[in-house]
Amino acid sequence: MAILDGLSKCITAVSYALILVREQISEVLHEDLRMYNKVAEVRQIVDLIQSNFECCGVENRSDWKFYNDSSYPQSCCKNRQLEESFSDKECIYHQYGCLNFLEREVKRYLGYVIGSACTFFLLQLIGLHSMCVVICRSQSIHRWHNEGYISI
């Protein structure tokens, strides 16, 4: 029973951590959008994220209106080739924001971590059980030897 209680507390803690991670990712992405036209490295990272995850903005492409009211970055275009330049009229924009995609990736890798932790926990439980069996048997053999039932 204590094991299930501990496991439920662990799941609750992981759920809470996911909420905090989502908020932190959102804050970082909004800051990156704000710095997009000011810092070249930020621009490259945002373009890479939007191109690879096929997303635009944090929640959706309208997030760009707060930071760049003239246009959207070309990395928001689905039909953009690497070296081509598109006008806003030719661009077919990614519909979804990057926050959901990044959150999904974090959850996926967090799933691997949780799975590994559960496997480690089960191995520890098996080891503890085996150790208890060995100790109980050695004590009974020792007791039988002292009572004269077994001669070693």
N, C-alpha and C. Protein backbone atom coordinates (compact mmCIF):
# COMPACT_ATOMS: atom_id res chain seq x y z
N MET A 1 0.82 -1.19 0.00
CA MET A 1 0.00 0.00 0.00
C MET A 1 0.87 1.26 0.00
N ALA A 2 1.94 1.23 0.78
CA ALA A 2 2.84 2.38 0.84
C ALA A 2 3.51 2.61 -0.51
N ILE A 3 3.73 1.51 -1.24
CA ILE A 3 4.36 1.63 -2.56
C ILE A 3 3.43 2.38 -3.51
N LEU A 4 2.14 2.02 -3.50
CA LEU A 4 1.18 2.71 -4.37
C LEU A 4 1.02 4.17 -3.98
N ASP A 5 1.05 4.43 -2.68
CA ASP A 5 0.96 5.81 -2.21
C ASP A 5 2.16 6.63 -2.70
N GLY A 6 3.35 6.04 -2.60
CA GLY A 6 4.55 6.71 -3.08
C GLY A 6 4.51 6.94 -4.58
N LEU A 7 3.99 5.94 -5.32
CA LEU A 7 3.89 6.07 -6.77
C LEU A 7 2.89 7.16 -7.15
N SER A 8 1.76 7.25 -6.44
CA SER A 8 0.78 8.30 -6.75
C SER A 8 1.35 9.69 -6.44
N LYS A 9 2.13 9.80 -5.38
CA LYS A 9 2.77 11.09 -5.06
C LYS A 9 3.78 11.46 -6.13
N CYS A 10 4.49 10.46 -6.64
CA CYS A 10 5.47 10.71 -7.70
C CYS A 10 4.76 11.20 -8.97
N ILE A 11 3.65 10.58 -9.32
CA ILE A 11 2.90 10.99 -10.51
C ILE A 11 2.35 12.41 -10.34
N THR A 12 1.88 12.73 -9.14
CA THR A 12 1.40 14.09 -8.86
C THR A 12 2.52 15.11 -9.01
N ALA A 13 3.70 14.77 -8.49
CA ALA A 13 4.85 15.68 -8.59
C ALA A 13 5.25 15.88 -10.04
N VAL A 14 5.23 14.82 -10.85
CA VAL A 14 5.58 14.93 -12.26
C VAL A 14 4.56 15.79 -13.00
N SER A 15 3.28 15.62 -12.69
CA SER A 15 2.23 16.44 -13.32
C SER A 15 2.43 17.92 -13.00
N TYR A 16 2.73 18.22 -11.75
CA TYR A 16 2.98 19.60 -11.35
C TYR A 16 4.21 20.15 -12.06
N ALA A 17 5.25 19.32 -12.17
CA ALA A 17 6.47 19.75 -12.86
C ALA A 17 6.18 20.07 -14.33
N LEU A 18 5.31 19.28 -14.96
CA LEU A 18 4.95 19.54 -16.36
C LEU A 18 4.26 20.89 -16.52
N ILE A 19 3.41 21.24 -15.57
CA ILE A 19 2.75 22.55 -15.62
C ILE A 19 3.78 23.67 -15.52
N LEU A 20 4.73 23.51 -14.61
CA LEU A 20 5.78 24.53 -14.46
C LEU A 20 6.65 24.60 -15.70
N VAL A 21 6.97 23.45 -16.28
CA VAL A 21 7.80 23.42 -17.49
C VAL A 21 7.08 24.13 -18.63
N ARG A 22 5.78 23.90 -18.77
CA ARG A 22 5.01 24.56 -19.83
C ARG A 22 5.07 26.07 -19.67
N GLU A 23 4.91 26.56 -18.44
CA GLU A 23 4.96 28.00 -18.20
C GLU A 23 6.34 28.56 -18.51
N GLN A 24 7.38 27.84 -18.14
CA GLN A 24 8.74 28.32 -18.40
C GLN A 24 9.04 28.33 -19.89
N ILE A 25 8.61 27.29 -20.59
CA ILE A 25 8.82 27.25 -22.04
C ILE A 25 8.09 28.42 -22.69
N SER A 26 6.87 28.69 -22.25
CA SER A 26 6.09 29.80 -22.80
C SER A 26 6.81 31.13 -22.58
N GLU A 27 7.32 31.35 -21.38
CA GLU A 27 8.03 32.60 -21.08
C GLU A 27 9.27 32.75 -21.96
N VAL A 28 10.02 31.67 -22.11
CA VAL A 28 11.24 31.73 -22.94
C VAL A 28 10.88 32.01 -24.39
N LEU A 29 9.86 31.34 -24.90
CA LEU A 29 9.46 31.57 -26.29
C LEU A 29 8.98 33.01 -26.52
N HIS A 30 8.21 33.55 -25.60
CA HIS A 30 7.76 34.94 -25.75
C HIS A 30 8.96 35.90 -25.72
N GLU A 31 9.91 35.63 -24.86
CA GLU A 31 11.12 36.47 -24.81
C GLU A 31 11.90 36.36 -26.12
N ASP A 32 11.96 35.14 -26.68
CA ASP A 32 12.66 34.95 -27.96
C ASP A 32 11.96 35.71 -29.09
N LEU A 33 10.64 35.72 -29.09
CA LEU A 33 9.92 36.49 -30.12
C LEU A 33 10.22 37.98 -29.98
N ARG A 34 10.29 38.44 -28.74
CA ARG A 34 10.58 39.86 -28.50
C ARG A 34 11.99 40.22 -29.00
N MET A 35 12.94 39.29 -28.86
CA MET A 35 14.34 39.55 -29.23
C MET A 35 14.65 39.14 -30.67
N TYR A 36 13.66 38.66 -31.40
CA TYR A 36 13.87 38.08 -32.73
C TYR A 36 14.63 39.02 -33.67
N ASN A 37 14.22 40.26 -33.76
CA ASN A 37 14.86 41.20 -34.68
C ASN A 37 16.08 41.89 -34.09
N LYS A 38 16.39 41.64 -32.83
CA LYS A 38 17.50 42.32 -32.17
C LYS A 38 18.75 41.46 -32.05
N VAL A 39 18.61 40.15 -31.95
CA VAL A 39 19.76 39.26 -31.73
C VAL A 39 19.75 38.17 -32.80
N ALA A 40 20.84 38.10 -33.58
CA ALA A 40 20.91 37.16 -34.70
C ALA A 40 20.80 35.70 -34.25
N GLU A 41 21.44 35.36 -33.12
CA GLU A 41 21.41 33.98 -32.63
C GLU A 41 19.99 33.56 -32.25
N VAL A 42 19.26 34.48 -31.64
CA VAL A 42 17.87 34.19 -31.27
C VAL A 42 17.05 33.98 -32.53
N ARG A 43 17.27 34.82 -33.53
CA ARG A 43 16.55 34.69 -34.80
C ARG A 43 16.81 33.31 -35.43
N GLN A 44 18.06 32.87 -35.41
CA GLN A 44 18.40 31.57 -35.98
C GLN A 44 17.72 30.43 -35.22
N ILE A 45 17.70 30.52 -33.89
CA ILE A 45 17.09 29.47 -33.07
C ILE A 45 15.58 29.43 -33.30
N VAL A 46 14.94 30.60 -33.30
CA VAL A 46 13.49 30.65 -33.52
C VAL A 46 13.15 30.11 -34.91
N ASP A 47 13.91 30.51 -35.92
CA ASP A 47 13.66 30.02 -37.28
C ASP A 47 13.84 28.50 -37.35
N LEU A 48 14.85 27.99 -36.67
CA LEU A 48 15.10 26.55 -36.65
C LEU A 48 13.94 25.81 -35.98
N ILE A 49 13.49 26.31 -34.85
CA ILE A 49 12.37 25.68 -34.13
C ILE A 49 11.11 25.71 -35.00
N GLN A 50 10.78 26.88 -35.57
CA GLN A 50 9.56 27.00 -36.36
C GLN A 50 9.62 26.15 -37.62
N SER A 51 10.80 26.05 -38.23
CA SER A 51 10.92 25.23 -39.43
C SER A 51 10.84 23.74 -39.11
N ASN A 52 11.58 23.31 -38.08
CA ASN A 52 11.62 21.88 -37.75
C ASN A 52 10.30 21.36 -37.17
N PHE A 53 9.66 22.15 -36.32
CA PHE A 53 8.42 21.70 -35.70
C PHE A 53 7.19 22.12 -36.50
N GLU A 54 7.41 22.84 -37.60
CA GLU A 54 6.33 23.32 -38.46
C GLU A 54 5.26 24.05 -37.63
N CYS A 55 5.74 25.08 -36.94
CA CYS A 55 4.86 25.87 -36.08
C CYS A 55 5.17 27.35 -36.30
N CYS A 56 4.34 28.20 -35.71
CA CYS A 56 4.54 29.64 -35.86
C CYS A 56 4.06 30.35 -34.60
N GLY A 57 4.95 31.09 -33.96
CA GLY A 57 4.61 31.80 -32.74
C GLY A 57 4.61 30.87 -31.53
N VAL A 58 4.09 31.36 -30.42
CA VAL A 58 4.04 30.56 -29.20
C VAL A 58 2.75 29.75 -29.18
N GLU A 59 1.60 30.44 -29.10
CA GLU A 59 0.30 29.75 -29.14
C GLU A 59 -0.17 29.57 -30.58
N ASN A 60 0.05 30.60 -31.41
CA ASN A 60 -0.26 30.56 -32.84
C ASN A 60 0.44 31.76 -33.49
N ARG A 61 0.26 31.93 -34.79
CA ARG A 61 1.02 32.97 -35.49
C ARG A 61 0.63 34.39 -35.08
N SER A 62 -0.53 34.57 -34.47
CA SER A 62 -0.92 35.92 -34.05
C SER A 62 -0.01 36.46 -32.95
N ASP A 63 0.76 35.60 -32.28
CA ASP A 63 1.73 36.08 -31.28
C ASP A 63 2.75 37.04 -31.88
N TRP A 64 3.02 36.87 -33.17
CA TRP A 64 4.00 37.74 -33.83
C TRP A 64 3.52 39.18 -33.93
N LYS A 65 2.22 39.39 -33.91
CA LYS A 65 1.67 40.75 -34.01
C LYS A 65 2.11 41.63 -32.84
N PHE A 66 2.36 41.01 -31.69
CA PHE A 66 2.80 41.78 -30.52
C PHE A 66 4.24 42.26 -30.66
N TYR A 67 5.05 41.52 -31.43
CA TYR A 67 6.48 41.80 -31.48
C TYR A 67 6.95 42.33 -32.83
N ASN A 68 6.22 42.00 -33.89
CA ASN A 68 6.64 42.41 -35.22
C ASN A 68 5.37 42.68 -36.03
N ASP A 69 4.82 43.87 -35.92
CA ASP A 69 3.52 44.15 -36.51
C ASP A 69 3.50 44.21 -38.03
N SER A 70 4.65 44.20 -38.67
CA SER A 70 4.65 44.34 -40.12
C SER A 70 4.45 43.00 -40.84
N SER A 71 5.09 41.94 -40.36
CA SER A 71 4.98 40.66 -41.06
C SER A 71 5.41 39.50 -40.15
N TYR A 72 5.21 38.31 -40.68
CA TYR A 72 5.64 37.10 -39.97
C TYR A 72 6.99 36.66 -40.53
N PRO A 73 7.79 35.95 -39.75
CA PRO A 73 9.06 35.45 -40.29
C PRO A 73 8.80 34.40 -41.37
N GLN A 74 9.74 34.27 -42.28
CA GLN A 74 9.58 33.28 -43.35
C GLN A 74 9.58 31.85 -42.82
N SER A 75 10.14 31.65 -41.62
CA SER A 75 10.14 30.30 -41.05
C SER A 75 8.73 29.85 -40.65
N CYS A 76 7.76 30.76 -40.69
CA CYS A 76 6.35 30.41 -40.43
C CYS A 76 5.68 29.84 -41.67
N CYS A 77 6.33 29.92 -42.83
CA CYS A 77 5.74 29.47 -44.08
C CYS A 77 5.93 27.96 -44.26
N LYS A 78 4.84 27.29 -44.62
CA LYS A 78 4.92 25.85 -44.92
C LYS A 78 5.62 25.63 -46.26
N ASN A 79 5.34 26.47 -47.22
CA ASN A 79 5.80 26.28 -48.58
C ASN A 79 7.11 27.01 -48.89
N ARG A 80 7.84 27.39 -47.87
CA ARG A 80 9.09 28.13 -48.06
C ARG A 80 10.24 27.16 -48.34
N GLN A 81 11.04 27.47 -49.33
CA GLN A 81 12.29 26.76 -49.56
C GLN A 81 13.39 27.51 -48.83
N LEU A 82 14.50 26.85 -48.57
CA LEU A 82 15.54 27.45 -47.72
C LEU A 82 16.03 28.80 -48.21
N GLU A 83 16.28 28.95 -49.48
CA GLU A 83 16.88 30.18 -49.97
C GLU A 83 15.88 31.08 -50.71
N GLU A 84 14.63 30.68 -50.74
CA GLU A 84 13.64 31.49 -51.45
C GLU A 84 13.08 32.57 -50.56
N SER A 85 12.65 33.64 -51.18
CA SER A 85 11.99 34.71 -50.45
C SER A 85 10.53 34.75 -50.87
N PHE A 86 9.64 34.79 -49.89
CA PHE A 86 8.21 34.80 -50.15
C PHE A 86 7.61 36.10 -49.66
N SER A 87 6.60 36.55 -50.37
CA SER A 87 5.81 37.65 -49.82
C SER A 87 4.75 37.03 -48.90
N ASP A 88 4.15 37.85 -48.06
CA ASP A 88 3.13 37.35 -47.14
C ASP A 88 1.95 36.74 -47.89
N LYS A 89 1.67 37.24 -49.09
CA LYS A 89 0.52 36.74 -49.85
C LYS A 89 0.78 35.33 -50.39
N GLU A 90 2.03 35.01 -50.69
CA GLU A 90 2.36 33.69 -51.23
C GLU A 90 2.52 32.63 -50.15
N CYS A 91 2.67 33.06 -48.93
CA CYS A 91 3.00 32.15 -47.83
C CYS A 91 1.76 31.41 -47.32
N ILE A 92 1.91 30.11 -47.13
CA ILE A 92 0.90 29.32 -46.42
C ILE A 92 1.48 29.07 -45.04
N TYR A 93 0.85 29.67 -44.03
CA TYR A 93 1.43 29.67 -42.68
C TYR A 93 1.13 28.38 -41.92
N HIS A 94 2.07 28.04 -41.05
CA HIS A 94 1.83 26.95 -40.10
C HIS A 94 0.70 27.40 -39.18
N GLN A 95 -0.22 26.51 -38.89
CA GLN A 95 -1.40 26.89 -38.12
C GLN A 95 -1.16 26.92 -36.62
N TYR A 96 -0.29 26.07 -36.12
CA TYR A 96 -0.18 25.90 -34.67
C TYR A 96 1.07 26.57 -34.12
N GLY A 97 0.98 26.94 -32.85
CA GLY A 97 2.12 27.54 -32.16
C GLY A 97 3.13 26.48 -31.74
N CYS A 98 4.32 26.94 -31.39
CA CYS A 98 5.42 26.04 -31.06
C CYS A 98 5.34 25.49 -29.63
N LEU A 99 4.59 26.14 -28.77
CA LEU A 99 4.52 25.70 -27.38
C LEU A 99 4.00 24.27 -27.27
N ASN A 100 2.96 23.94 -28.00
CA ASN A 100 2.40 22.58 -27.93
C ASN A 100 3.38 21.54 -28.42
N PHE A 101 4.13 21.86 -29.47
CA PHE A 101 5.09 20.90 -30.01
C PHE A 101 6.25 20.69 -29.04
N LEU A 102 6.75 21.77 -28.48
CA LEU A 102 7.85 21.65 -27.52
C LEU A 102 7.39 20.93 -26.26
N GLU A 103 6.18 21.21 -25.82
CA GLU A 103 5.64 20.53 -24.64
C GLU A 103 5.51 19.03 -24.91
N ARG A 104 5.07 18.68 -26.11
CA ARG A 104 4.94 17.26 -26.47
C ARG A 104 6.31 16.57 -26.46
N GLU A 105 7.33 17.25 -26.96
CA GLU A 105 8.67 16.67 -26.94
C GLU A 105 9.18 16.48 -25.52
N VAL A 106 8.95 17.48 -24.66
CA VAL A 106 9.38 17.36 -23.26
C VAL A 106 8.65 16.19 -22.60
N LYS A 107 7.35 16.06 -22.85
CA LYS A 107 6.59 14.96 -22.27
C LYS A 107 7.10 13.61 -22.77
N ARG A 108 7.46 13.56 -24.04
CA ARG A 108 7.94 12.30 -24.60
C ARG A 108 9.22 11.87 -23.90
N TYR A 109 10.16 12.79 -23.76
CA TYR A 109 11.42 12.44 -23.11
C TYR A 109 11.23 12.25 -21.61
N LEU A 110 10.31 12.97 -21.02
CA LEU A 110 10.00 12.77 -19.61
C LEU A 110 9.40 11.39 -19.40
N GLY A 111 8.65 10.91 -20.38
CA GLY A 111 8.12 9.55 -20.33
C GLY A 111 9.23 8.52 -20.26
N TYR A 112 10.31 8.75 -21.02
CA TYR A 112 11.46 7.84 -20.95
C TYR A 112 12.09 7.87 -19.57
N VAL A 113 12.21 9.06 -19.01
CA VAL A 113 12.81 9.20 -17.67
C VAL A 113 11.94 8.50 -16.63
N ILE A 114 10.63 8.71 -16.71
CA ILE A 114 9.72 8.07 -15.75
C ILE A 114 9.76 6.55 -15.92
N GLY A 115 9.77 6.08 -17.15
CA GLY A 115 9.87 4.64 -17.40
C GLY A 115 11.14 4.05 -16.83
N SER A 116 12.25 4.75 -17.01
CA SER A 116 13.52 4.29 -16.45
C SER A 116 13.49 4.28 -14.94
N ALA A 117 12.89 5.31 -14.34
CA ALA A 117 12.80 5.37 -12.88
C ALA A 117 11.92 4.24 -12.34
N CYS A 118 10.82 3.94 -13.03
CA CYS A 118 9.96 2.84 -12.59
C CYS A 118 10.68 1.50 -12.71
N THR A 119 11.43 1.32 -13.79
CA THR A 119 12.21 0.09 -13.95
C THR A 119 13.23 -0.03 -12.84
N PHE A 120 13.94 1.04 -12.54
CA PHE A 120 14.91 1.03 -11.45
C PHE A 120 14.22 0.72 -10.13
N PHE A 121 13.05 1.30 -9.90
CA PHE A 121 12.29 1.05 -8.68
C PHE A 121 11.92 -0.43 -8.56
N LEU A 122 11.45 -1.04 -9.66
CA LEU A 122 11.09 -2.46 -9.63
C LEU A 122 12.31 -3.34 -9.38
N LEU A 123 13.44 -2.99 -9.99
CA LEU A 123 14.66 -3.76 -9.74
C LEU A 123 15.08 -3.66 -8.28
N GLN A 124 14.94 -2.48 -7.70
CA GLN A 124 15.24 -2.31 -6.28
C GLN A 124 14.30 -3.16 -5.42
N LEU A 125 13.04 -3.21 -5.80
CA LEU A 125 12.05 -3.99 -5.06
C LEU A 125 12.37 -5.48 -5.15
N ILE A 126 12.74 -5.95 -6.33
CA ILE A 126 13.12 -7.36 -6.50
C ILE A 126 14.37 -7.67 -5.68
N GLY A 127 15.34 -6.76 -5.70
CA GLY A 127 16.55 -6.95 -4.90
C GLY A 127 16.25 -7.00 -3.42
N LEU A 128 15.37 -6.14 -2.96
CA LEU A 128 14.99 -6.12 -1.54
C LEU A 128 14.29 -7.42 -1.16
N HIS A 129 13.40 -7.89 -2.01
CA HIS A 129 12.71 -9.15 -1.74
C HIS A 129 13.71 -10.32 -1.69
N SER A 130 14.62 -10.35 -2.65
CA SER A 130 15.63 -11.42 -2.68
C SER A 130 16.49 -11.39 -1.42
N MET A 131 16.87 -10.20 -1.00
CA MET A 131 17.69 -10.06 0.20
C MET A 131 16.92 -10.56 1.43
N CYS A 132 15.64 -10.26 1.52
CA CYS A 132 14.83 -10.74 2.65
C CYS A 132 14.74 -12.26 2.66
N VAL A 133 14.57 -12.86 1.48
CA VAL A 133 14.52 -14.33 1.38
C VAL A 133 15.83 -14.94 1.84
N VAL A 134 16.95 -14.40 1.39
CA VAL A 134 18.27 -14.93 1.78
C VAL A 134 18.48 -14.80 3.28
N ILE A 135 18.15 -13.66 3.85
CA ILE A 135 18.34 -13.45 5.29
C ILE A 135 17.46 -14.40 6.09
N CYS A 136 16.20 -14.55 5.69
CA CYS A 136 15.30 -15.46 6.41
C CYS A 136 15.79 -16.90 6.34
N ARG A 137 16.24 -17.34 5.18
CA ARG A 137 16.74 -18.71 5.05
C ARG A 137 18.02 -18.92 5.84
N SER A 138 18.91 -17.93 5.80
CA SER A 138 20.16 -18.10 6.55
C SER A 138 19.89 -18.13 8.05
N GLN A 139 18.92 -17.36 8.52
CA GLN A 139 18.58 -17.39 9.95
C GLN A 139 17.96 -18.72 10.34
N SER A 140 17.11 -19.27 9.47
CA SER A 140 16.50 -20.56 9.80
C SER A 140 17.54 -21.67 9.76
N ILE A 141 18.47 -21.64 8.83
CA ILE A 141 19.55 -22.64 8.80
C ILE A 141 20.41 -22.50 10.04
N HIS A 142 20.72 -21.27 10.42
CA HIS A 142 21.53 -21.04 11.62
C HIS A 142 20.80 -21.54 12.86
N ARG A 143 19.48 -21.30 12.94
CA ARG A 143 18.69 -21.76 14.08
C ARG A 143 18.63 -23.29 14.12
N TRP A 144 18.44 -23.92 12.96
CA TRP A 144 18.38 -25.37 12.92
C TRP A 144 19.72 -25.97 13.31
N HIS A 145 20.79 -25.33 12.90
CA HIS A 145 22.13 -25.81 13.25
C HIS A 145 22.33 -25.74 14.77
N ASN A 146 21.92 -24.63 15.37
CA ASN A 146 22.08 -24.47 16.82
C ASN A 146 21.20 -25.45 17.60
N GLU A 147 20.07 -25.85 17.03
CA GLU A 147 19.18 -26.78 17.72
C GLU A 147 19.56 -28.23 17.46
N GLY A 148 20.54 -28.45 16.62
CA GLY A 148 21.05 -29.79 16.38
C GLY A 148 20.38 -30.55 15.25
N TYR A 149 19.52 -29.89 14.50
CA TYR A 149 18.86 -30.57 13.39
C TYR A 149 19.78 -30.72 12.18
N ILE A 150 20.70 -29.79 12.02
CA ILE A 150 21.62 -29.80 10.88
C ILE A 150 23.04 -29.75 11.43
N SER A 151 23.89 -30.58 10.86
CA SER A 151 25.31 -30.49 11.23
C SER A 151 26.08 -30.01 10.01
N ILE A 152 26.86 -28.98 10.25
CA ILE A 152 27.61 -28.39 9.13
C ILE A 152 29.06 -28.76 9.28
